[in-house]
Amino acid sequence: MKIYKKHKRALDLIINCKNDLIPRINEHCKEWARRKAKADEIVFDEGDCGKRITRFRTKLMSLILPDGDGPNSSWKTCCNYFYEIKVQDGDDGPEIRCQLCFDSCGLDGKRMEIYDRISRSIPCLETWSNGKNWWHIHWIWPDAGKSFQLVPADFDEEWLNKQLDDMLGRLKEFERGLSEEKWVKDLLAGKDAAERA
């Protein structure tokens, strides 16, 4: 307590700066997502986001994993997946990662089969179940051995934009590889044929 009293102003400033970083980073992630959505690179609805999570989707993944008939996912959305930019407090400061999240709530047989196939394509970070439904979180970025990217306390927007652009590049690379798999080609070819009929 003596140390706090002696250095109250400095310690309060450090604590306030730290508490301010997570919302600042998350807001910047949302601003980045707005720009990418405007450029038609992702599908973004700010209403799907949280205080520490920026959620978005892509056109390709939404073709592979189509929406359900109603908002019956655990997120109260018609879709059962999101890419998420997650911001959290780490041991050395704030950190971010991009993850692909699947929710089984409301999935029918065919959509469940598709989710299972994609789940086998990428490393799983977390999985949990409530006995009725399951949730899987898969790694997308920064890399499989390092699940979060440290954000320096003095980060600038240019640095964070570069990290997020790198993340999007990795995500597109993952989707390109997925789109080359035979079962995905067959699935998308079947959808094209059905739409033309």
N, C-alpha and C. Protein backbone atom coordinates (compact mmCIF):
# COMPACT_ATOMS: atom_id res chain seq x y z
N MET A 1 0.83 -1.20 0.00
CA MET A 1 0.00 0.00 0.00
C MET A 1 0.87 1.27 0.00
N LYS A 2 2.03 1.19 0.69
CA LYS A 2 2.92 2.34 0.72
C LYS A 2 3.43 2.69 -0.67
N ILE A 3 3.75 1.65 -1.44
CA ILE A 3 4.25 1.89 -2.80
C ILE A 3 3.17 2.58 -3.63
N TYR A 4 1.92 2.11 -3.50
CA TYR A 4 0.82 2.72 -4.26
C TYR A 4 0.66 4.19 -3.87
N LYS A 5 0.67 4.48 -2.57
CA LYS A 5 0.49 5.86 -2.13
C LYS A 5 1.61 6.76 -2.65
N LYS A 6 2.83 6.22 -2.64
CA LYS A 6 3.98 7.00 -3.08
C LYS A 6 3.95 7.27 -4.59
N HIS A 7 3.45 6.27 -5.36
CA HIS A 7 3.47 6.37 -6.83
C HIS A 7 2.06 6.31 -7.43
N LYS A 8 1.08 6.83 -6.69
CA LYS A 8 -0.32 6.73 -7.08
C LYS A 8 -0.57 7.23 -8.50
N ARG A 9 -0.10 8.43 -8.83
CA ARG A 9 -0.36 8.99 -10.17
C ARG A 9 0.19 8.10 -11.28
N ALA A 10 1.42 7.65 -11.11
CA ALA A 10 2.06 6.82 -12.14
C ALA A 10 1.35 5.47 -12.27
N LEU A 11 1.03 4.84 -11.14
CA LEU A 11 0.37 3.53 -11.18
C LEU A 11 -1.04 3.65 -11.74
N ASP A 12 -1.77 4.70 -11.37
CA ASP A 12 -3.11 4.90 -11.93
C ASP A 12 -3.05 5.10 -13.43
N LEU A 13 -2.07 5.84 -13.89
CA LEU A 13 -1.90 6.06 -15.33
C LEU A 13 -1.62 4.75 -16.06
N ILE A 14 -0.75 3.92 -15.50
CA ILE A 14 -0.44 2.62 -16.11
C ILE A 14 -1.68 1.74 -16.16
N ILE A 15 -2.43 1.68 -15.08
CA ILE A 15 -3.64 0.85 -15.02
C ILE A 15 -4.68 1.36 -16.01
N ASN A 16 -4.88 2.68 -16.07
CA ASN A 16 -5.86 3.24 -17.01
C ASN A 16 -5.47 2.99 -18.45
N CYS A 17 -4.17 3.12 -18.76
CA CYS A 17 -3.70 2.86 -20.13
C CYS A 17 -3.93 1.40 -20.50
N LYS A 18 -3.64 0.50 -19.56
CA LYS A 18 -3.82 -0.93 -19.83
C LYS A 18 -5.29 -1.25 -20.05
N ASN A 19 -6.16 -0.69 -19.19
CA ASN A 19 -7.60 -0.94 -19.32
C ASN A 19 -8.16 -0.34 -20.61
N ASP A 20 -7.52 0.70 -21.12
CA ASP A 20 -7.98 1.36 -22.33
C ASP A 20 -7.53 0.64 -23.60
N LEU A 21 -6.47 -0.15 -23.51
CA LEU A 21 -5.90 -0.79 -24.70
C LEU A 21 -6.84 -1.79 -25.36
N ILE A 22 -7.46 -2.67 -24.59
CA ILE A 22 -8.32 -3.71 -25.17
C ILE A 22 -9.46 -3.08 -25.97
N PRO A 23 -10.24 -2.13 -25.39
CA PRO A 23 -11.31 -1.51 -26.20
C PRO A 23 -10.77 -0.77 -27.42
N ARG A 24 -9.59 -0.14 -27.28
CA ARG A 24 -8.99 0.58 -28.41
C ARG A 24 -8.62 -0.38 -29.54
N ILE A 25 -8.00 -1.50 -29.18
CA ILE A 25 -7.62 -2.49 -30.18
C ILE A 25 -8.86 -3.08 -30.82
N ASN A 26 -9.86 -3.43 -30.01
CA ASN A 26 -11.09 -4.03 -30.54
C ASN A 26 -11.80 -3.05 -31.48
N GLU A 27 -11.85 -1.79 -31.11
CA GLU A 27 -12.50 -0.79 -31.97
C GLU A 27 -11.74 -0.66 -33.29
N HIS A 28 -10.42 -0.73 -33.23
CA HIS A 28 -9.64 -0.65 -34.46
C HIS A 28 -9.89 -1.88 -35.33
N CYS A 29 -10.04 -3.05 -34.72
CA CYS A 29 -10.36 -4.27 -35.48
C CYS A 29 -11.70 -4.13 -36.18
N LYS A 30 -12.67 -3.54 -35.50
CA LYS A 30 -13.98 -3.32 -36.13
C LYS A 30 -13.88 -2.32 -37.28
N GLU A 31 -13.08 -1.27 -37.09
CA GLU A 31 -12.88 -0.29 -38.16
C GLU A 31 -12.22 -0.95 -39.37
N TRP A 32 -11.25 -1.80 -39.12
CA TRP A 32 -10.59 -2.57 -40.19
C TRP A 32 -11.63 -3.43 -40.92
N ALA A 33 -12.49 -4.10 -40.16
CA ALA A 33 -13.52 -4.97 -40.75
C ALA A 33 -14.51 -4.15 -41.58
N ARG A 34 -14.85 -2.95 -41.13
CA ARG A 34 -15.76 -2.09 -41.92
C ARG A 34 -15.13 -1.77 -43.28
N ARG A 35 -13.84 -1.44 -43.27
CA ARG A 35 -13.15 -1.13 -44.53
C ARG A 35 -13.09 -2.34 -45.45
N LYS A 36 -12.79 -3.51 -44.88
CA LYS A 36 -12.70 -4.72 -45.70
C LYS A 36 -14.07 -5.12 -46.25
N ALA A 37 -15.11 -4.89 -45.48
CA ALA A 37 -16.47 -5.18 -45.96
C ALA A 37 -16.85 -4.23 -47.09
N LYS A 38 -16.49 -2.96 -46.93
CA LYS A 38 -16.76 -1.97 -47.98
C LYS A 38 -16.02 -2.31 -49.27
N ALA A 39 -14.84 -2.91 -49.15
CA ALA A 39 -14.05 -3.34 -50.31
C ALA A 39 -14.50 -4.72 -50.80
N ASP A 40 -15.54 -5.28 -50.19
CA ASP A 40 -16.14 -6.56 -50.57
C ASP A 40 -15.20 -7.75 -50.34
N GLU A 41 -14.29 -7.64 -49.35
CA GLU A 41 -13.39 -8.74 -49.04
C GLU A 41 -13.94 -9.67 -47.98
N ILE A 42 -14.82 -9.14 -47.11
CA ILE A 42 -15.45 -9.95 -46.07
C ILE A 42 -16.91 -9.51 -45.95
N VAL A 43 -17.68 -10.28 -45.18
CA VAL A 43 -19.06 -9.93 -44.85
C VAL A 43 -19.06 -9.58 -43.37
N PHE A 44 -19.49 -8.37 -43.04
CA PHE A 44 -19.36 -7.88 -41.67
C PHE A 44 -20.66 -7.25 -41.20
N ASP A 45 -21.12 -7.69 -40.03
CA ASP A 45 -22.27 -7.10 -39.37
C ASP A 45 -21.84 -6.78 -37.94
N GLU A 46 -21.74 -5.50 -37.64
CA GLU A 46 -21.22 -5.09 -36.34
C GLU A 46 -22.05 -5.63 -35.18
N GLY A 47 -23.32 -5.92 -35.43
CA GLY A 47 -24.18 -6.47 -34.39
C GLY A 47 -23.76 -7.85 -33.91
N ASP A 48 -22.92 -8.53 -34.68
CA ASP A 48 -22.44 -9.86 -34.30
C ASP A 48 -21.20 -9.80 -33.40
N CYS A 49 -20.66 -8.61 -33.19
CA CYS A 49 -19.40 -8.45 -32.44
C CYS A 49 -19.63 -8.36 -30.94
N GLY A 50 -18.56 -8.55 -30.19
CA GLY A 50 -18.59 -8.40 -28.74
C GLY A 50 -17.56 -7.39 -28.29
N LYS A 51 -17.40 -7.24 -26.98
CA LYS A 51 -16.46 -6.26 -26.43
C LYS A 51 -15.00 -6.62 -26.73
N ARG A 52 -14.73 -7.89 -26.93
CA ARG A 52 -13.36 -8.34 -27.20
C ARG A 52 -13.28 -9.17 -28.48
N ILE A 53 -14.35 -9.21 -29.24
CA ILE A 53 -14.38 -10.06 -30.43
C ILE A 53 -15.01 -9.31 -31.60
N THR A 54 -14.30 -9.31 -32.74
CA THR A 54 -14.82 -8.78 -34.00
C THR A 54 -15.12 -9.99 -34.87
N ARG A 55 -16.40 -10.20 -35.18
CA ARG A 55 -16.82 -11.36 -35.97
C ARG A 55 -17.11 -10.95 -37.40
N PHE A 56 -16.73 -11.83 -38.34
CA PHE A 56 -17.06 -11.60 -39.75
C PHE A 56 -17.14 -12.95 -40.45
N ARG A 57 -17.62 -12.90 -41.69
CA ARG A 57 -17.74 -14.11 -42.51
C ARG A 57 -17.14 -13.81 -43.89
N THR A 58 -17.07 -14.84 -44.72
CA THR A 58 -16.61 -14.65 -46.09
C THR A 58 -17.63 -15.27 -47.04
N LYS A 59 -17.62 -14.79 -48.28
CA LYS A 59 -18.57 -15.31 -49.26
C LYS A 59 -18.35 -16.79 -49.53
N LEU A 60 -17.08 -17.18 -49.70
CA LEU A 60 -16.79 -18.58 -50.00
C LEU A 60 -17.23 -19.50 -48.87
N MET A 61 -16.85 -19.17 -47.63
CA MET A 61 -17.21 -20.04 -46.52
C MET A 61 -18.72 -20.09 -46.34
N SER A 62 -19.40 -19.00 -46.65
CA SER A 62 -20.86 -19.00 -46.53
C SER A 62 -21.52 -19.83 -47.63
N LEU A 63 -20.85 -20.00 -48.78
CA LEU A 63 -21.35 -20.92 -49.81
C LEU A 63 -21.16 -22.36 -49.35
N ILE A 64 -20.00 -22.64 -48.76
CA ILE A 64 -19.71 -24.00 -48.29
C ILE A 64 -20.59 -24.34 -47.09
N LEU A 65 -20.75 -23.39 -46.18
CA LEU A 65 -21.53 -23.58 -44.95
C LEU A 65 -22.74 -22.65 -44.98
N PRO A 66 -23.78 -23.03 -45.70
CA PRO A 66 -24.93 -22.12 -45.86
C PRO A 66 -25.67 -21.87 -44.54
N ASP A 67 -26.36 -20.75 -44.52
CA ASP A 67 -27.17 -20.40 -43.35
C ASP A 67 -28.31 -21.39 -43.17
N GLY A 68 -28.79 -21.49 -41.94
CA GLY A 68 -29.96 -22.29 -41.64
C GLY A 68 -31.22 -21.50 -41.95
N ASP A 69 -32.36 -22.12 -41.68
CA ASP A 69 -33.65 -21.49 -41.98
C ASP A 69 -34.01 -20.36 -41.03
N GLY A 70 -33.46 -20.38 -39.85
CA GLY A 70 -33.80 -19.33 -38.88
C GLY A 70 -32.62 -19.07 -37.95
N PRO A 71 -32.75 -18.05 -37.12
CA PRO A 71 -31.66 -17.72 -36.19
C PRO A 71 -31.60 -18.71 -35.02
N ASN A 72 -31.09 -19.91 -35.30
CA ASN A 72 -31.11 -20.95 -34.26
C ASN A 72 -29.72 -21.34 -33.77
N SER A 73 -28.68 -20.55 -34.10
CA SER A 73 -27.36 -20.84 -33.54
C SER A 73 -27.29 -20.27 -32.12
N SER A 74 -26.24 -20.62 -31.41
CA SER A 74 -26.06 -20.08 -30.05
C SER A 74 -25.86 -18.57 -30.05
N TRP A 75 -25.43 -18.04 -31.22
CA TRP A 75 -25.26 -16.59 -31.36
C TRP A 75 -26.56 -15.89 -31.73
N LYS A 76 -27.63 -16.66 -31.90
CA LYS A 76 -28.94 -16.12 -32.36
C LYS A 76 -28.82 -15.58 -33.79
N THR A 77 -28.03 -16.30 -34.61
CA THR A 77 -27.87 -15.95 -36.01
C THR A 77 -28.29 -17.15 -36.86
N CYS A 78 -28.48 -16.92 -38.16
CA CYS A 78 -28.81 -18.00 -39.09
C CYS A 78 -27.57 -18.81 -39.46
N CYS A 79 -26.39 -18.24 -39.24
CA CYS A 79 -25.15 -18.94 -39.58
C CYS A 79 -24.60 -19.64 -38.34
N ASN A 80 -23.83 -20.69 -38.58
CA ASN A 80 -23.24 -21.46 -37.49
C ASN A 80 -21.72 -21.36 -37.47
N TYR A 81 -21.18 -20.35 -38.15
CA TYR A 81 -19.74 -20.14 -38.09
C TYR A 81 -19.46 -18.64 -38.11
N PHE A 82 -18.33 -18.29 -37.55
CA PHE A 82 -17.78 -16.93 -37.68
C PHE A 82 -16.27 -17.04 -37.65
N TYR A 83 -15.63 -16.17 -38.41
CA TYR A 83 -14.22 -15.88 -38.15
C TYR A 83 -14.24 -14.82 -37.06
N GLU A 84 -13.35 -14.96 -36.09
CA GLU A 84 -13.31 -14.00 -34.99
C GLU A 84 -11.90 -13.46 -34.81
N ILE A 85 -11.81 -12.16 -34.65
CA ILE A 85 -10.57 -11.54 -34.18
C ILE A 85 -10.77 -11.34 -32.69
N LYS A 86 -10.05 -12.12 -31.91
CA LYS A 86 -10.21 -12.10 -30.46
C LYS A 86 -9.09 -11.28 -29.84
N VAL A 87 -9.46 -10.37 -28.94
CA VAL A 87 -8.50 -9.54 -28.22
C VAL A 87 -8.58 -9.92 -26.74
N GLN A 88 -7.43 -10.14 -26.12
CA GLN A 88 -7.45 -10.49 -24.70
C GLN A 88 -6.21 -9.95 -24.00
N ASP A 89 -6.27 -9.96 -22.67
CA ASP A 89 -5.10 -9.61 -21.85
C ASP A 89 -4.18 -10.82 -21.82
N GLY A 90 -2.93 -10.63 -22.17
CA GLY A 90 -1.94 -11.70 -22.07
C GLY A 90 -0.97 -11.42 -20.95
N ASP A 91 -0.06 -12.33 -20.72
CA ASP A 91 0.94 -12.15 -19.66
C ASP A 91 1.81 -10.92 -19.90
N ASP A 92 2.11 -10.65 -21.18
CA ASP A 92 3.00 -9.53 -21.52
C ASP A 92 2.26 -8.33 -22.09
N GLY A 93 0.93 -8.34 -22.04
CA GLY A 93 0.14 -7.23 -22.59
C GLY A 93 -0.98 -7.75 -23.46
N PRO A 94 -1.67 -6.85 -24.13
CA PRO A 94 -2.80 -7.29 -24.96
C PRO A 94 -2.32 -8.12 -26.15
N GLU A 95 -3.15 -9.06 -26.58
CA GLU A 95 -2.80 -9.92 -27.69
C GLU A 95 -4.04 -10.23 -28.52
N ILE A 96 -3.80 -10.60 -29.79
CA ILE A 96 -4.91 -10.90 -30.69
C ILE A 96 -4.64 -12.21 -31.43
N ARG A 97 -5.72 -12.82 -31.90
CA ARG A 97 -5.62 -13.95 -32.81
C ARG A 97 -6.87 -13.98 -33.66
N CYS A 98 -6.80 -14.70 -34.78
CA CYS A 98 -7.97 -14.94 -35.61
C CYS A 98 -8.30 -16.42 -35.49
N GLN A 99 -9.55 -16.69 -35.26
CA GLN A 99 -9.99 -18.07 -35.09
C GLN A 99 -11.28 -18.29 -35.87
N LEU A 100 -11.50 -19.53 -36.27
CA LEU A 100 -12.72 -19.93 -36.95
C LEU A 100 -13.54 -20.71 -35.95
N CYS A 101 -14.76 -20.24 -35.68
CA CYS A 101 -15.60 -20.85 -34.65
C CYS A 101 -16.82 -21.50 -35.28
N PHE A 102 -17.07 -22.74 -34.88
CA PHE A 102 -18.25 -23.48 -35.31
C PHE A 102 -19.15 -23.72 -34.11
N ASP A 103 -20.44 -23.66 -34.34
CA ASP A 103 -21.45 -23.91 -33.31
C ASP A 103 -22.44 -24.93 -33.87
N SER A 104 -22.66 -26.02 -33.16
CA SER A 104 -23.52 -27.08 -33.69
C SER A 104 -25.00 -26.84 -33.45
N CYS A 105 -25.34 -25.83 -32.67
CA CYS A 105 -26.75 -25.60 -32.32
C CYS A 105 -27.59 -25.37 -33.58
N GLY A 106 -28.59 -26.21 -33.79
CA GLY A 106 -29.50 -26.05 -34.92
C GLY A 106 -29.01 -26.63 -36.24
N LEU A 107 -27.86 -27.31 -36.25
CA LEU A 107 -27.36 -27.90 -37.50
C LEU A 107 -28.15 -29.14 -37.86
N ASP A 108 -28.45 -29.27 -39.17
CA ASP A 108 -29.07 -30.51 -39.65
C ASP A 108 -27.97 -31.46 -40.12
N GLY A 109 -28.33 -32.64 -40.59
CA GLY A 109 -27.37 -33.68 -40.94
C GLY A 109 -26.35 -33.27 -41.98
N LYS A 110 -26.77 -32.68 -43.12
CA LYS A 110 -25.85 -32.32 -44.20
C LYS A 110 -24.90 -31.21 -43.75
N ARG A 111 -25.45 -30.18 -43.11
CA ARG A 111 -24.60 -29.08 -42.65
C ARG A 111 -23.63 -29.57 -41.56
N MET A 112 -24.07 -30.49 -40.71
CA MET A 112 -23.19 -31.05 -39.67
C MET A 112 -22.04 -31.81 -40.32
N GLU A 113 -22.33 -32.53 -41.38
CA GLU A 113 -21.29 -33.29 -42.09
C GLU A 113 -20.24 -32.33 -42.68
N ILE A 114 -20.69 -31.22 -43.23
CA ILE A 114 -19.77 -30.23 -43.81
C ILE A 114 -18.88 -29.63 -42.71
N TYR A 115 -19.47 -29.27 -41.59
CA TYR A 115 -18.69 -28.72 -40.48
C TYR A 115 -17.64 -29.72 -40.00
N ASP A 116 -18.03 -30.98 -39.91
CA ASP A 116 -17.08 -32.01 -39.48
C ASP A 116 -15.91 -32.13 -40.44
N ARG A 117 -16.19 -32.06 -41.75
CA ARG A 117 -15.12 -32.19 -42.75
C ARG A 117 -14.14 -31.01 -42.66
N ILE A 118 -14.67 -29.81 -42.51
CA ILE A 118 -13.80 -28.64 -42.40
C ILE A 118 -13.00 -28.70 -41.10
N SER A 119 -13.63 -29.14 -40.03
CA SER A 119 -12.95 -29.24 -38.74
C SER A 119 -11.70 -30.11 -38.82
N ARG A 120 -11.75 -31.13 -39.66
CA ARG A 120 -10.59 -32.03 -39.80
C ARG A 120 -9.46 -31.39 -40.61
N SER A 121 -9.75 -30.26 -41.28
CA SER A 121 -8.76 -29.61 -42.15
C SER A 121 -7.81 -28.68 -41.42
N ILE A 122 -8.15 -28.24 -40.22
CA ILE A 122 -7.33 -27.25 -39.53
C ILE A 122 -7.19 -27.59 -38.05
N PRO A 123 -6.06 -27.18 -37.44
CA PRO A 123 -5.84 -27.50 -36.03
C PRO A 123 -6.92 -26.88 -35.13
N CYS A 124 -7.32 -27.63 -34.14
CA CYS A 124 -8.34 -27.17 -33.20
C CYS A 124 -7.65 -26.57 -31.98
N LEU A 125 -8.07 -25.37 -31.60
CA LEU A 125 -7.53 -24.71 -30.40
C LEU A 125 -8.33 -25.10 -29.16
N GLU A 126 -9.64 -25.08 -29.31
CA GLU A 126 -10.51 -25.37 -28.17
C GLU A 126 -11.76 -26.08 -28.67
N THR A 127 -12.29 -26.94 -27.84
CA THR A 127 -13.58 -27.55 -28.14
C THR A 127 -14.30 -27.76 -26.81
N TRP A 128 -15.56 -27.54 -26.80
CA TRP A 128 -16.33 -27.80 -25.58
C TRP A 128 -17.77 -28.10 -25.93
N SER A 129 -18.46 -28.67 -24.99
CA SER A 129 -19.83 -29.11 -25.22
C SER A 129 -20.63 -28.92 -23.94
N ASN A 130 -21.93 -28.71 -24.12
CA ASN A 130 -22.81 -28.64 -22.96
C ASN A 130 -23.64 -29.93 -22.86
N GLY A 131 -23.23 -30.97 -23.60
CA GLY A 131 -23.95 -32.24 -23.61
C GLY A 131 -25.00 -32.29 -24.70
N LYS A 132 -25.40 -31.14 -25.19
CA LYS A 132 -26.43 -31.06 -26.23
C LYS A 132 -25.82 -30.53 -27.53
N ASN A 133 -25.01 -29.49 -27.42
CA ASN A 133 -24.36 -28.87 -28.56
C ASN A 133 -22.86 -28.80 -28.31
N TRP A 134 -22.09 -28.60 -29.38
CA TRP A 134 -20.65 -28.41 -29.24
C TRP A 134 -20.21 -27.14 -29.94
N TRP A 135 -19.07 -26.65 -29.51
CA TRP A 135 -18.42 -25.49 -30.12
C TRP A 135 -16.98 -25.87 -30.38
N HIS A 136 -16.48 -25.54 -31.58
CA HIS A 136 -15.08 -25.78 -31.92
C HIS A 136 -14.46 -24.46 -32.31
N ILE A 137 -13.27 -24.21 -31.82
CA ILE A 137 -12.51 -23.03 -32.21
C ILE A 137 -11.22 -23.51 -32.85
N HIS A 138 -11.00 -23.08 -34.08
CA HIS A 138 -9.85 -23.52 -34.86
C HIS A 138 -8.89 -22.37 -35.09
N TRP A 139 -7.61 -22.72 -35.19
CA TRP A 139 -6.57 -21.74 -35.44
C TRP A 139 -6.61 -21.26 -36.88
N ILE A 140 -6.44 -19.96 -37.09
CA ILE A 140 -6.22 -19.39 -38.42
C ILE A 140 -4.94 -18.55 -38.41
N TRP A 141 -4.74 -17.71 -37.40
CA TRP A 141 -3.59 -16.80 -37.35
C TRP A 141 -3.32 -16.41 -35.90
N PRO A 142 -2.08 -16.22 -35.44
CA PRO A 142 -0.85 -15.99 -36.17
C PRO A 142 -0.17 -17.24 -36.69
N ASP A 143 0.05 -18.29 -35.88
CA ASP A 143 0.52 -19.55 -36.42
C ASP A 143 0.23 -20.64 -35.40
N ALA A 144 0.34 -21.88 -35.85
CA ALA A 144 -0.11 -23.01 -35.02
C ALA A 144 0.65 -23.14 -33.71
N GLY A 145 1.92 -22.73 -33.68
CA GLY A 145 2.70 -22.88 -32.47
C GLY A 145 2.57 -21.71 -31.51
N LYS A 146 1.99 -20.61 -31.98
CA LYS A 146 1.89 -19.39 -31.18
C LYS A 146 0.48 -18.88 -31.36
N SER A 147 -0.37 -19.15 -30.40
CA SER A 147 -1.80 -18.92 -30.65
C SER A 147 -2.23 -17.45 -30.59
N PHE A 148 -1.39 -16.55 -30.09
CA PHE A 148 -1.74 -15.13 -30.06
C PHE A 148 -0.58 -14.27 -30.53
N GLN A 149 -0.89 -13.11 -31.07
CA GLN A 149 0.10 -12.11 -31.47
C GLN A 149 0.09 -10.99 -30.42
N LEU A 150 1.23 -10.71 -29.82
CA LEU A 150 1.32 -9.64 -28.84
C LEU A 150 1.13 -8.30 -29.52
N VAL A 151 0.34 -7.42 -28.92
CA VAL A 151 0.15 -6.06 -29.43
C VAL A 151 0.92 -5.12 -28.51
N PRO A 152 1.93 -4.42 -29.05
CA PRO A 152 2.70 -3.52 -28.19
C PRO A 152 1.81 -2.41 -27.62
N ALA A 153 2.11 -1.99 -26.40
CA ALA A 153 1.30 -0.94 -25.76
C ALA A 153 1.34 0.36 -26.57
N ASP A 154 2.42 0.59 -27.30
CA ASP A 154 2.53 1.81 -28.09
C ASP A 154 2.23 1.57 -29.57
N PHE A 155 1.38 0.55 -29.86
CA PHE A 155 1.08 0.21 -31.25
C PHE A 155 0.47 1.42 -31.97
N ASP A 156 0.70 1.47 -33.28
CA ASP A 156 0.01 2.48 -34.08
C ASP A 156 -0.90 1.77 -35.07
N GLU A 157 -1.79 2.53 -35.70
CA GLU A 157 -2.79 1.94 -36.58
C GLU A 157 -2.14 1.23 -37.76
N GLU A 158 -1.05 1.79 -38.27
CA GLU A 158 -0.38 1.18 -39.42
C GLU A 158 0.13 -0.22 -39.07
N TRP A 159 0.72 -0.36 -37.88
CA TRP A 159 1.21 -1.67 -37.44
C TRP A 159 0.06 -2.66 -37.31
N LEU A 160 -1.04 -2.25 -36.67
CA LEU A 160 -2.16 -3.16 -36.47
C LEU A 160 -2.82 -3.51 -37.80
N ASN A 161 -2.94 -2.53 -38.70
CA ASN A 161 -3.50 -2.83 -40.03
C ASN A 161 -2.66 -3.88 -40.74
N LYS A 162 -1.34 -3.77 -40.63
CA LYS A 162 -0.45 -4.74 -41.28
C LYS A 162 -0.68 -6.14 -40.70
N GLN A 163 -0.83 -6.23 -39.38
CA GLN A 163 -1.09 -7.53 -38.74
C GLN A 163 -2.42 -8.11 -39.22
N LEU A 164 -3.45 -7.27 -39.27
CA LEU A 164 -4.77 -7.75 -39.67
C LEU A 164 -4.80 -8.12 -41.15
N ASP A 165 -4.06 -7.38 -41.98
CA ASP A 165 -3.97 -7.73 -43.40
C ASP A 165 -3.24 -9.06 -43.58
N ASP A 166 -2.20 -9.28 -42.78
CA ASP A 166 -1.49 -10.56 -42.80
C ASP A 166 -2.44 -11.69 -42.40
N MET A 167 -3.25 -11.44 -41.38
CA MET A 167 -4.24 -12.42 -40.93
C MET A 167 -5.22 -12.74 -42.04
N LEU A 168 -5.71 -11.71 -42.74
CA LEU A 168 -6.66 -11.94 -43.83
C LEU A 168 -6.01 -12.71 -44.97
N GLY A 169 -4.75 -12.43 -45.24
CA GLY A 169 -4.02 -13.18 -46.25
C GLY A 169 -3.93 -14.66 -45.90
N ARG A 170 -3.65 -14.94 -44.63
CA ARG A 170 -3.58 -16.34 -44.17
C ARG A 170 -4.95 -17.01 -44.28
N LEU A 171 -6.00 -16.26 -43.94
CA LEU A 171 -7.35 -16.79 -44.03
C LEU A 171 -7.71 -17.12 -45.49
N LYS A 172 -7.37 -16.22 -46.40
CA LYS A 172 -7.65 -16.46 -47.83
C LYS A 172 -6.87 -17.67 -48.35
N GLU A 173 -5.63 -17.81 -47.87
CA GLU A 173 -4.82 -18.97 -48.25
C GLU A 173 -5.49 -20.26 -47.77
N PHE A 174 -5.99 -20.26 -46.54
CA PHE A 174 -6.71 -21.41 -46.00
C PHE A 174 -7.94 -21.72 -46.86
N GLU A 175 -8.71 -20.69 -47.22
CA GLU A 175 -9.93 -20.91 -48.01
C GLU A 175 -9.59 -21.37 -49.43
N ARG A 176 -8.50 -20.85 -50.00
CA ARG A 176 -8.08 -21.33 -51.34
C ARG A 176 -7.78 -22.82 -51.30
N GLY A 177 -7.05 -23.25 -50.29
CA GLY A 177 -6.74 -24.67 -50.14
C GLY A 177 -8.00 -25.50 -49.95
N LEU A 178 -8.91 -24.99 -49.13
CA LEU A 178 -10.17 -25.69 -48.89
C LEU A 178 -10.97 -25.81 -50.18
N SER A 179 -10.99 -24.75 -50.98
CA SER A 179 -11.78 -24.76 -52.22
C SER A 179 -11.23 -25.72 -53.26
N GLU A 180 -9.96 -26.15 -53.10
CA GLU A 180 -9.34 -27.10 -54.03
C GLU A 180 -9.64 -28.55 -53.66
N GLU A 181 -10.19 -28.77 -52.47
CA GLU A 181 -10.52 -30.15 -52.08
C GLU A 181 -11.69 -30.65 -52.91
N LYS A 182 -11.61 -31.91 -53.32
CA LYS A 182 -12.62 -32.47 -54.23
C LYS A 182 -14.03 -32.37 -53.68
N TRP A 183 -14.20 -32.67 -52.41
CA TRP A 183 -15.55 -32.64 -51.86
C TRP A 183 -16.15 -31.23 -51.88
N VAL A 184 -15.29 -30.21 -51.72
CA VAL A 184 -15.78 -28.83 -51.78
C VAL A 184 -16.12 -28.47 -53.22
N LYS A 185 -15.27 -28.85 -54.17
CA LYS A 185 -15.57 -28.60 -55.59
C LYS A 185 -16.89 -29.25 -55.97
N ASP A 186 -17.09 -30.50 -55.55
CA ASP A 186 -18.35 -31.20 -55.85
C ASP A 186 -19.54 -30.50 -55.21
N LEU A 187 -19.36 -30.06 -53.97
CA LEU A 187 -20.44 -29.37 -53.25
C LEU A 187 -20.82 -28.08 -53.97
N LEU A 188 -19.81 -27.27 -54.34
CA LEU A 188 -20.08 -26.00 -55.01
C LEU A 188 -20.62 -26.22 -56.42
N ALA A 189 -20.14 -27.25 -57.13
CA ALA A 189 -20.66 -27.55 -58.47
C ALA A 189 -22.13 -27.96 -58.38
N GLY A 190 -22.48 -28.71 -57.36
CA GLY A 190 -23.87 -29.11 -57.15
C GLY A 190 -24.76 -27.91 -56.87
N LYS A 191 -24.27 -26.95 -56.12
CA LYS A 191 -25.05 -25.73 -55.83
C LYS A 191 -25.24 -24.91 -57.10
N ASP A 192 -24.19 -24.80 -57.92
CA ASP A 192 -24.29 -24.05 -59.18
C ASP A 192 -25.33 -24.69 -60.08
N ALA A 193 -25.31 -26.02 -60.16
CA ALA A 193 -26.25 -26.73 -61.03
C ALA A 193 -27.68 -26.53 -60.54
N ALA A 194 -27.86 -26.57 -59.21
CA ALA A 194 -29.21 -26.38 -58.64
C ALA A 194 -29.72 -24.96 -58.92
N GLU A 195 -28.81 -23.96 -58.85
CA GLU A 195 -29.22 -22.58 -59.10
C GLU A 195 -29.57 -22.35 -60.56
N ARG A 196 -28.89 -23.06 -61.47
CA ARG A 196 -29.17 -22.91 -62.91
C ARG A 196 -30.46 -23.59 -63.31
N ALA A 197 -30.88 -24.63 -62.54
CA ALA A 197 -32.08 -25.41 -62.90
C ALA A 197 -33.36 -24.62 -62.67
